[in-house]
């Protein structure tokens, strides 16, 4: 009796080869990836690209001839950590920045960079150079104002222009930190403190000058008022001057004690006390 294997051996072998060939031909492209089909070293097709005609799913390739290059479709990060940059006001800044990019032309990326890591390695020195160039035209204080947004927009535009040759698009550029090194930072604080003190002295000097002017104008106005009133009533002037003299002579402290240790002895009919006694 002939066994099933012996009878259908050729059929089983053909079916096995077909299954293996099918398994080697099938590949799956998930939603977060895009793929480039490379045949004998040359890109011949793409799957699930940004703005492309195909979507994620199950696809076939020619075994042993076609290879699949999988490329991230999501946003990728490019970081620049603590690079020293010289600003327009000659301040040495420690800059910590990052950029976000995505692959929009996977065929060009495969041809120019090979992988997304190759794109990242190509863009890192470009980001460093563009940031140095842009921040070198601006002051440290300017980077703390709305001018920072204009600088970042220029950096993104310049970096995006360079990234296009690798099939990438730069979506955003951010500066996470712009600090002075420790020694220059202390020097900057001291300089800012000195500037604020000098400004305060200028304001105080201006206030004292204005106060003297106002006081002098008030004294002049009071003198004119006194002169006008004294010219109209000489007796009142004599009385006023006598009261001022009494106030200075018999001046007492807040507690009623005489501030001066000297004693004054006058007779009741002394001419000095004439106004005190109500005599003209």
C-alpha atoms as a PDB file:
ATOM      1  CA  UNK A   1       0.000   0.000   0.000  1.00  0.00           C
ATOM      2  CA  UNK A   2       1.403   3.371  -1.070  1.00  0.00           C
ATOM      3  CA  UNK A   3       1.425   6.104   1.620  1.00  0.00           C
ATOM      4  CA  UNK A   4      -0.157   9.533   1.055  1.00  0.00           C
ATOM      5  CA  UNK A   5       3.248  11.197   1.269  1.00  0.00           C
ATOM      6  CA  UNK A   6       4.718   9.005  -1.381  1.00  0.00           C
ATOM      7  CA  UNK A   7       1.697   9.456  -3.590  1.00  0.00           C
ATOM      8  CA  UNK A   8       1.437  13.277  -3.256  1.00  0.00           C
ATOM      9  CA  UNK A   9       5.009  14.191  -2.395  1.00  0.00           C
ATOM     10  CA  UNK A  10       5.424  16.532  -5.341  1.00  0.00           C
ATOM     11  CA  UNK A  11       2.155  18.291  -4.533  1.00  0.00           C
ATOM     12  CA  UNK A  12       3.177  18.829  -0.893  1.00  0.00           C
ATOM     13  CA  UNK A  13       6.548  20.186  -1.948  1.00  0.00           C
ATOM     14  CA  UNK A  14       4.992  22.614  -4.391  1.00  0.00           C
ATOM     15  CA  UNK A  15       2.445  23.763  -1.800  1.00  0.00           C
ATOM     16  CA  UNK A  16       5.233  24.245   0.791  1.00  0.00           C
ATOM     17  CA  UNK A  17       7.332  26.260  -1.622  1.00  0.00           C
ATOM     18  CA  UNK A  18       4.285  28.367  -2.509  1.00  0.00           C
ATOM     19  CA  UNK A  19       3.520  29.045   1.174  1.00  0.00           C
ATOM     20  CA  UNK A  20       7.128  30.026   1.885  1.00  0.00           C
ATOM     21  CA  UNK A  21       7.215  32.239  -1.206  1.00  0.00           C
ATOM     22  CA  UNK A  22       3.929  33.864  -0.181  1.00  0.00           C
ATOM     23  CA  UNK A  23       5.172  34.490   3.348  1.00  0.00           C
ATOM     24  CA  UNK A  24       8.336  36.040   1.975  1.00  0.00           C
ATOM     25  CA  UNK A  25       6.319  38.173  -0.453  1.00  0.00           C
ATOM     26  CA  UNK A  26       3.818  39.581   2.034  1.00  0.00           C
ATOM     27  CA  UNK A  27       4.695  42.628   4.100  1.00  0.00           C
ATOM     28  CA  UNK A  28       2.559  44.843   6.293  1.00  0.00           C
ATOM     29  CA  UNK A  29       2.857  48.648   6.484  1.00  0.00           C
ATOM     30  CA  UNK A  30       1.296  50.052   9.689  1.00  0.00           C
ATOM     31  CA  UNK A  31      -0.372  53.447   9.858  1.00  0.00           C
ATOM     32  CA  UNK A  32       2.581  55.165  11.577  1.00  0.00           C
ATOM     33  CA  UNK A  33       5.101  54.030   8.939  1.00  0.00           C
ATOM     34  CA  UNK A  34       5.752  54.616   5.265  1.00  0.00           C
ATOM     35  CA  UNK A  35       7.723  52.258   3.064  1.00  0.00           C
ATOM     36  CA  UNK A  36      10.011  52.449   0.047  1.00  0.00           C
ATOM     37  CA  UNK A  37      10.409  49.398  -2.189  1.00  0.00           C
ATOM     38  CA  UNK A  38      14.013  49.056  -3.326  1.00  0.00           C
ATOM     39  CA  UNK A  39      14.866  46.767  -6.256  1.00  0.00           C
ATOM     40  CA  UNK A  40      18.514  46.083  -7.034  1.00  0.00           C
ATOM     41  CA  UNK A  41      19.507  49.205  -5.092  1.00  0.00           C
ATOM     42  CA  UNK A  42      17.018  51.578  -6.757  1.00  0.00           C
ATOM     43  CA  UNK A  43      13.697  52.808  -5.269  1.00  0.00           C
ATOM     44  CA  UNK A  44      10.829  51.569  -7.416  1.00  0.00           C
ATOM     45  CA  UNK A  45       7.754  52.374  -5.324  1.00  0.00           C
ATOM     46  CA  UNK A  46       6.339  53.794  -2.098  1.00  0.00           C
ATOM     47  CA  UNK A  47       3.546  52.842   0.282  1.00  0.00           C
ATOM     48  CA  UNK A  48       1.546  54.992   2.741  1.00  0.00           C
ATOM     49  CA  UNK A  49       3.515  58.172   2.107  1.00  0.00           C
ATOM     50  CA  UNK A  50       2.318  61.623   3.217  1.00  0.00           C
ATOM     51  CA  UNK A  51      -0.074  62.799   0.507  1.00  0.00           C
ATOM     52  CA  UNK A  52       0.463  59.556  -1.449  1.00  0.00           C
ATOM     53  CA  UNK A  53      -2.093  57.389  -3.272  1.00  0.00           C
ATOM     54  CA  UNK A  54      -1.605  54.231  -1.172  1.00  0.00           C
ATOM     55  CA  UNK A  55      -2.533  53.637   2.440  1.00  0.00           C
ATOM     56  CA  UNK A  56      -1.379  51.383   5.259  1.00  0.00           C
ATOM     57  CA  UNK A  57      -2.156  47.683   4.852  1.00  0.00           C
ATOM     58  CA  UNK A  58      -1.004  44.351   3.396  1.00  0.00           C
ATOM     59  CA  UNK A  59       1.197  44.369   0.279  1.00  0.00           C
ATOM     60  CA  UNK A  60       3.260  41.991  -1.866  1.00  0.00           C
ATOM     61  CA  UNK A  61       6.841  42.192  -3.118  1.00  0.00           C
ATOM     62  CA  UNK A  62       9.137  40.051  -5.255  1.00  0.00           C
ATOM     63  CA  UNK A  63      11.093  37.786  -2.922  1.00  0.00           C
ATOM     64  CA  UNK A  64      14.901  37.989  -2.988  1.00  0.00           C
ATOM     65  CA  UNK A  65      14.710  40.937  -5.400  1.00  0.00           C
ATOM     66  CA  UNK A  66      12.688  43.613  -3.618  1.00  0.00           C
ATOM     67  CA  UNK A  67      13.556  44.948  -0.157  1.00  0.00           C
ATOM     68  CA  UNK A  68      11.358  47.165   2.017  1.00  0.00           C
ATOM     69  CA  UNK A  69      12.773  50.281   3.715  1.00  0.00           C
ATOM     70  CA  UNK A  70      10.493  51.280   6.567  1.00  0.00           C
ATOM     71  CA  UNK A  71      10.457  54.975   7.461  1.00  0.00           C
ATOM     72  CA  UNK A  72       8.802  56.704  10.398  1.00  0.00           C
ATOM     73  CA  UNK A  73       5.793  58.732   9.345  1.00  0.00           C
ATOM     74  CA  UNK A  74       5.368  60.549  12.645  1.00  0.00           C
ATOM     75  CA  UNK A  75       7.254  63.644  13.793  1.00  0.00           C
ATOM     76  CA  UNK A  76      10.910  63.128  14.691  1.00  0.00           C
ATOM     77  CA  UNK A  77      13.018  65.132  17.152  1.00  0.00           C
ATOM     78  CA  UNK A  78      16.373  66.773  16.571  1.00  0.00           C
ATOM     79  CA  UNK A  79      18.078  68.069  19.741  1.00  0.00           C
ATOM     80  CA  UNK A  80      20.919  70.508  20.386  1.00  0.00           C
ATOM     81  CA  UNK A  81      22.107  70.369  24.003  1.00  0.00           C
ATOM     82  CA  UNK A  82      24.035  73.155  25.795  1.00  0.00           C
ATOM     83  CA  UNK A  83      25.866  74.665  22.852  1.00  0.00           C
ATOM     84  CA  UNK A  84      27.793  77.892  23.510  1.00  0.00           C
ATOM     85  CA  UNK A  85      26.680  80.762  21.250  1.00  0.00           C
ATOM     86  CA  UNK A  86      28.048  84.317  21.108  1.00  0.00           C
ATOM     87  CA  UNK A  87      25.274  86.954  21.007  1.00  0.00           C
ATOM     88  CA  UNK A  88      25.401  90.378  19.341  1.00  0.00           C
ATOM     89  CA  UNK A  89      26.264  92.051  22.676  1.00  0.00           C
ATOM     90  CA  UNK A  90      29.215  89.671  23.113  1.00  0.00           C
ATOM     91  CA  UNK A  91      27.489  87.500  25.700  1.00  0.00           C
ATOM     92  CA  UNK A  92      28.387  83.803  25.716  1.00  0.00           C
ATOM     93  CA  UNK A  93      25.080  81.924  25.920  1.00  0.00           C
ATOM     94  CA  UNK A  94      24.370  78.288  26.665  1.00  0.00           C
ATOM     95  CA  UNK A  95      21.577  77.339  24.260  1.00  0.00           C
ATOM     96  CA  UNK A  96      19.426  74.226  24.541  1.00  0.00           C
ATOM     97  CA  UNK A  97      17.168  73.805  21.491  1.00  0.00           C
ATOM     98  CA  UNK A  98      15.294  71.192  19.497  1.00  0.00           C
ATOM     99  CA  UNK A  99      13.598  70.865  16.131  1.00  0.00           C
ATOM    100  CA  UNK A 100      10.748  68.647  14.931  1.00  0.00           C
ATOM    101  CA  UNK A 101      10.754  67.265  11.416  1.00  0.00           C
ATOM    102  CA  UNK A 102       9.072  64.579   9.338  1.00  0.00           C
ATOM    103  CA  UNK A 103       9.933  62.723   6.154  1.00  0.00           C
ATOM    104  CA  UNK A 104       7.796  63.976   3.270  1.00  0.00           C
ATOM    105  CA  UNK A 105       9.865  62.524   0.411  1.00  0.00           C
ATOM    106  CA  UNK A 106      10.982  59.026   1.453  1.00  0.00           C
ATOM    107  CA  UNK A 107      12.542  58.226  -1.916  1.00  0.00           C
ATOM    108  CA  UNK A 108      14.881  61.206  -1.692  1.00  0.00           C
ATOM    109  CA  UNK A 109      15.607  60.350   1.929  1.00  0.00           C
ATOM    110  CA  UNK A 110      16.657  56.825   0.956  1.00  0.00           C
ATOM    111  CA  UNK A 111      18.812  58.142  -1.887  1.00  0.00           C
ATOM    112  CA  UNK A 112      20.483  60.971   0.088  1.00  0.00           C
ATOM    113  CA  UNK A 113      20.586  59.791   3.716  1.00  0.00           C
ATOM    114  CA  UNK A 114      19.622  56.115   3.758  1.00  0.00           C
ATOM    115  CA  UNK A 115      17.784  56.193   7.100  1.00  0.00           C
ATOM    116  CA  UNK A 116      16.108  58.650   9.438  1.00  0.00           C
ATOM    117  CA  UNK A 117      19.216  58.522  11.636  1.00  0.00           C
ATOM    118  CA  UNK A 118      21.192  59.631   8.608  1.00  0.00           C
ATOM    119  CA  UNK A 119      18.834  62.602   8.199  1.00  0.00           C
ATOM    120  CA  UNK A 120      19.210  63.449  11.876  1.00  0.00           C
ATOM    121  CA  UNK A 121      22.995  63.281  11.677  1.00  0.00           C
ATOM    122  CA  UNK A 122      22.954  65.551   8.613  1.00  0.00           C
ATOM    123  CA  UNK A 123      20.635  68.133  10.178  1.00  0.00           C
ATOM    124  CA  UNK A 124      22.335  68.423  13.589  1.00  0.00           C
ATOM    125  CA  UNK A 125      25.317  70.533  12.400  1.00  0.00           C
ATOM    126  CA  UNK A 126      22.980  72.582  10.202  1.00  0.00           C
ATOM    127  CA  UNK A 127      20.737  73.393  13.188  1.00  0.00           C
ATOM    128  CA  UNK A 128      23.812  74.333  15.207  1.00  0.00           C
ATOM    129  CA  UNK A 129      25.103  76.601  12.451  1.00  0.00           C
ATOM    130  CA  UNK A 130      21.761  78.288  11.745  1.00  0.00           C
ATOM    131  CA  UNK A 131      21.156  78.975  15.444  1.00  0.00           C
ATOM    132  CA  UNK A 132      24.624  80.468  15.877  1.00  0.00           C
ATOM    133  CA  UNK A 133      24.128  82.680  12.854  1.00  0.00           C
ATOM    134  CA  UNK A 134      20.681  83.903  13.932  1.00  0.00           C
ATOM    135  CA  UNK A 135      21.453  84.447  17.632  1.00  0.00           C
ATOM    136  CA  UNK A 136      24.717  86.147  16.719  1.00  0.00           C
ATOM    137  CA  UNK A 137      22.651  88.989  15.247  1.00  0.00           C
ATOM    138  CA  UNK A 138      20.615  89.488  18.416  1.00  0.00           C
ATOM    139  CA  UNK A 139      21.304  90.589  21.996  1.00  0.00           C
ATOM    140  CA  UNK A 140      20.714  88.502  25.108  1.00  0.00           C
ATOM    141  CA  UNK A 141      17.933  90.833  26.301  1.00  0.00           C
ATOM    142  CA  UNK A 142      16.346  90.694  22.844  1.00  0.00           C
ATOM    143  CA  UNK A 143      16.024  86.911  23.173  1.00  0.00           C
ATOM    144  CA  UNK A 144      13.914  87.459  26.300  1.00  0.00           C
ATOM    145  CA  UNK A 145      11.312  89.514  24.388  1.00  0.00           C
ATOM    146  CA  UNK A 146       8.977  88.941  21.439  1.00  0.00           C
ATOM    147  CA  UNK A 147      12.043  89.147  19.188  1.00  0.00           C
ATOM    148  CA  UNK A 148      12.687  85.524  20.158  1.00  0.00           C
ATOM    149  CA  UNK A 149       9.734  84.413  18.019  1.00  0.00           C
ATOM    150  CA  UNK A 150      11.112  86.155  14.923  1.00  0.00           C
ATOM    151  CA  UNK A 151      14.516  84.541  15.473  1.00  0.00           C
ATOM    152  CA  UNK A 152      12.986  81.062  15.748  1.00  0.00           C
ATOM    153  CA  UNK A 153      10.908  81.618  12.605  1.00  0.00           C
ATOM    154  CA  UNK A 154      14.080  82.478  10.678  1.00  0.00           C
ATOM    155  CA  UNK A 155      15.871  79.440  12.099  1.00  0.00           C
ATOM    156  CA  UNK A 156      12.993  77.147  11.086  1.00  0.00           C
ATOM    157  CA  UNK A 157      12.867  78.573   7.555  1.00  0.00           C
ATOM    158  CA  UNK A 158      16.627  78.221   7.021  1.00  0.00           C
ATOM    159  CA  UNK A 159      16.750  74.722   8.503  1.00  0.00           C
ATOM    160  CA  UNK A 160      13.734  73.618   6.459  1.00  0.00           C
ATOM    161  CA  UNK A 161      15.401  74.810   3.274  1.00  0.00           C
ATOM    162  CA  UNK A 162      18.430  72.644   4.022  1.00  0.00           C
ATOM    163  CA  UNK A 163      16.307  69.670   5.144  1.00  0.00           C
ATOM    164  CA  UNK A 164      14.396  69.497   1.852  1.00  0.00           C
ATOM    165  CA  UNK A 165      17.441  68.037   0.105  1.00  0.00           C
ATOM    166  CA  UNK A 166      17.132  65.018   2.435  1.00  0.00           C
ATOM    167  CA  UNK A 167      13.394  64.627   1.862  1.00  0.00           C
ATOM    168  CA  UNK A 168      12.493  66.117   5.262  1.00  0.00           C
ATOM    169  CA  UNK A 169      10.256  68.989   6.331  1.00  0.00           C
ATOM    170  CA  UNK A 170      11.023  70.994   9.484  1.00  0.00           C
ATOM    171  CA  UNK A 171       7.763  71.623  11.330  1.00  0.00           C
ATOM    172  CA  UNK A 172       8.941  73.532  14.409  1.00  0.00           C
ATOM    173  CA  UNK A 173      12.038  74.863  16.180  1.00  0.00           C
ATOM    174  CA  UNK A 174      12.066  75.723  19.888  1.00  0.00           C
ATOM    175  CA  UNK A 175      14.675  77.051  22.284  1.00  0.00           C
ATOM    176  CA  UNK A 176      14.135  75.364  25.633  1.00  0.00           C
ATOM    177  CA  UNK A 177      16.765  77.386  27.501  1.00  0.00           C
ATOM    178  CA  UNK A 178      19.026  80.378  26.845  1.00  0.00           C
ATOM    179  CA  UNK A 179      21.289  80.923  29.861  1.00  0.00           C
ATOM    180  CA  UNK A 180      24.503  82.684  30.625  1.00  0.00           C
ATOM    181  CA  UNK A 181      27.383  80.571  31.964  1.00  0.00           C
ATOM    182  CA  UNK A 182      27.874  80.899  35.734  1.00  0.00           C
ATOM    183  CA  UNK A 183      30.741  83.425  35.719  1.00  0.00           C
ATOM    184  CA  UNK A 184      29.298  85.744  33.023  1.00  0.00           C
ATOM    185  CA  UNK A 185      25.888  85.375  34.682  1.00  0.00           C
ATOM    186  CA  UNK A 186      27.178  86.812  37.959  1.00  0.00           C
ATOM    187  CA  UNK A 187      28.942  89.573  36.038  1.00  0.00           C
ATOM    188  CA  UNK A 188      25.710  90.380  34.200  1.00  0.00           C
ATOM    189  CA  UNK A 189      23.788  90.493  37.508  1.00  0.00           C
ATOM    190  CA  UNK A 190      26.335  92.892  38.979  1.00  0.00           C
ATOM    191  CA  UNK A 191      26.190  95.076  35.882  1.00  0.00           C
ATOM    192  CA  UNK A 192      22.402  95.126  35.973  1.00  0.00           C
ATOM    193  CA  UNK A 193      22.481  95.967  39.693  1.00  0.00           C
ATOM    194  CA  UNK A 194      24.942  98.807  39.047  1.00  0.00           C
ATOM    195  CA  UNK A 195      22.736 100.140  36.250  1.00  0.00           C
ATOM    196  CA  UNK A 196      19.667 100.096  38.495  1.00  0.00           C
ATOM    197  CA  UNK A 197      21.560 101.878  41.305  1.00  0.00           C
ATOM    198  CA  UNK A 198      22.797 104.529  38.881  1.00  0.00           C
ATOM    199  CA  UNK A 199      19.265 104.989  37.586  1.00  0.00           C
ATOM    200  CA  UNK A 200      17.966 105.302  41.174  1.00  0.00           C
ATOM    201  CA  UNK A 201      20.606 107.943  41.972  1.00  0.00           C
ATOM    202  CA  UNK A 202      19.616 109.883  38.871  1.00  0.00           C
ATOM    203  CA  UNK A 203      15.948 109.755  39.853  1.00  0.00           C
ATOM    204  CA  UNK A 204      16.721 110.838  43.453  1.00  0.00           C
ATOM    205  CA  UNK A 205      18.902 113.705  42.204  1.00  0.00           C
ATOM    206  CA  UNK A 206      16.140 114.841  39.883  1.00  0.00           C
ATOM    207  CA  UNK A 207      13.602 114.624  42.710  1.00  0.00           C
ATOM    208  CA  UNK A 208      15.833 116.671  45.057  1.00  0.00           C
ATOM    209  CA  UNK A 209      16.345 119.293  42.350  1.00  0.00           C
ATOM    210  CA  UNK A 210      12.613 119.540  41.705  1.00  0.00           C
ATOM    211  CA  UNK A 211      11.952 119.736  45.460  1.00  0.00           C
ATOM    212  CA  UNK A 212      14.424 122.627  45.842  1.00  0.00           C
ATOM    213  CA  UNK A 213      12.830 124.454  42.924  1.00  0.00           C
ATOM    214  CA  UNK A 214       9.326 123.962  44.330  1.00  0.00           C
ATOM    215  CA  UNK A 215      10.473 125.000  47.821  1.00  0.00           C
ATOM    216  CA  UNK A 216      12.199 128.106  46.470  1.00  0.00           C
ATOM    217  CA  UNK A 217       9.120 129.080  44.448  1.00  0.00           C
ATOM    218  CA  UNK A 218       6.918 128.538  47.520  1.00  0.00           C
ATOM    219  CA  UNK A 219       9.273 130.645  49.714  1.00  0.00           C
ATOM    220  CA  UNK A 220       9.288 133.389  47.093  1.00  0.00           C
ATOM    221  CA  UNK A 221       5.489 133.340  46.905  1.00  0.00           C
ATOM    222  CA  UNK A 222       5.259 133.442  50.715  1.00  0.00           C
ATOM    223  CA  UNK A 223       7.716 136.358  50.808  1.00  0.00           C
ATOM    224  CA  UNK A 224       5.645 138.264  48.260  1.00  0.00           C
ATOM    225  CA  UNK A 225       2.489 137.578  50.258  1.00  0.00           C
ATOM    226  CA  UNK A 226       4.153 138.730  53.486  1.00  0.00           C
ATOM    227  CA  UNK A 227       5.558 141.813  51.777  1.00  0.00           C
ATOM    228  CA  UNK A 228       2.150 142.739  50.388  1.00  0.00           C
ATOM    229  CA  UNK A 229       0.457 142.244  53.748  1.00  0.00           C
ATOM    230  CA  UNK A 230       3.207 144.037  55.701  1.00  0.00           C
ATOM    231  CA  UNK A 231       3.095 146.980  53.296  1.00  0.00           C
ATOM    232  CA  UNK A 232      -0.610 147.386  53.964  1.00  0.00           C
ATOM    233  CA  UNK A 233      -0.369 147.154  57.789  1.00  0.00           C
ATOM    234  CA  UNK A 234       3.031 148.039  59.369  1.00  0.00           C
ATOM    235  CA  UNK A 235       1.666 147.367  62.875  1.00  0.00           C
ATOM    236  CA  UNK A 236       0.801 143.820  61.912  1.00  0.00           C
ATOM    237  CA  UNK A 237       4.328 143.352  60.542  1.00  0.00           C
ATOM    238  CA  UNK A 238       5.785 144.574  63.825  1.00  0.00           C
ATOM    239  CA  UNK A 239       3.523 142.177  65.727  1.00  0.00           C
ATOM    240  CA  UNK A 240       4.380 139.204  63.456  1.00  0.00           C
ATOM    241  CA  UNK A 241       8.128 139.756  63.757  1.00  0.00           C
ATOM    242  CA  UNK A 242       7.819 140.018  67.550  1.00  0.00           C
ATOM    243  CA  UNK A 243       5.939 136.705  67.692  1.00  0.00           C
ATOM    244  CA  UNK A 244       8.658 135.043  65.599  1.00  0.00           C
ATOM    245  CA  UNK A 245      11.291 136.375  67.966  1.00  0.00           C
ATOM    246  CA  UNK A 246       9.389 135.127  71.043  1.00  0.00           C
ATOM    247  CA  UNK A 247       9.024 131.697  69.406  1.00  0.00           C
ATOM    248  CA  UNK A 248      12.757 131.407  68.832  1.00  0.00           C
ATOM    249  CA  UNK A 249      13.694 132.775  72.253  1.00  0.00           C
ATOM    250  CA  UNK A 250      11.286 130.776  74.389  1.00  0.00           C
ATOM    251  CA  UNK A 251      11.258 127.632  72.229  1.00  0.00           C
ATOM    252  CA  UNK A 252      10.381 124.495  74.217  1.00  0.00           C
ATOM    253  CA  UNK A 253      10.597 120.785  73.494  1.00  0.00           C
ATOM    254  CA  UNK A 254       7.703 118.499  72.756  1.00  0.00           C
ATOM    255  CA  UNK A 255       7.277 117.667  76.453  1.00  0.00           C
ATOM    256  CA  UNK A 256       7.113 121.346  77.432  1.00  0.00           C
ATOM    257  CA  UNK A 257      10.699 121.443  78.732  1.00  0.00           C
ATOM    258  CA  UNK A 258      12.962 124.221  77.562  1.00  0.00           C
ATOM    259  CA  UNK A 259      15.381 122.994  74.927  1.00  0.00           C
ATOM    260  CA  UNK A 260      18.033 125.484  75.985  1.00  0.00           C
ATOM    261  CA  UNK A 261      19.767 125.199  79.354  1.00  0.00           C
ATOM    262  CA  UNK A 262      20.217 129.033  79.531  1.00  0.00           C
ATOM    263  CA  UNK A 263      17.925 131.181  81.681  1.00  0.00           C
ATOM    264  CA  UNK A 264      16.638 134.633  80.707  1.00  0.00           C
ATOM    265  CA  UNK A 265      15.616 137.179  83.374  1.00  0.00           C
ATOM    266  CA  UNK A 266      13.665 140.220  82.165  1.00  0.00           C
ATOM    267  CA  UNK A 267      11.783 142.922  83.979  1.00  0.00           C
ATOM    268  CA  UNK A 268       8.023 143.079  83.275  1.00  0.00           C
ATOM    269  CA  UNK A 269       8.306 146.550  81.702  1.00  0.00           C
ATOM    270  CA  UNK A 270      11.125 145.524  79.338  1.00  0.00           C
ATOM    271  CA  UNK A 271      10.752 146.955  75.835  1.00  0.00           C
ATOM    272  CA  UNK A 272      11.321 143.503  74.375  1.00  0.00           C
ATOM    273  CA  UNK A 273       8.085 142.269  75.939  1.00  0.00           C
ATOM    274  CA  UNK A 274       6.051 145.189  74.671  1.00  0.00           C
ATOM    275  CA  UNK A 275       4.123 143.156  72.100  1.00  0.00           C
ATOM    276  CA  UNK A 276       3.842 140.298  74.605  1.00  0.00           C
ATOM    277  CA  UNK A 277       2.009 142.692  76.963  1.00  0.00           C
ATOM    278  CA  UNK A 278      -0.247 143.779  74.079  1.00  0.00           C
ATOM    279  CA  UNK A 279       1.202 147.285  73.879  1.00  0.00           C
ATOM    280  CA  UNK A 280       1.763 149.044  70.556  1.00  0.00           C
END
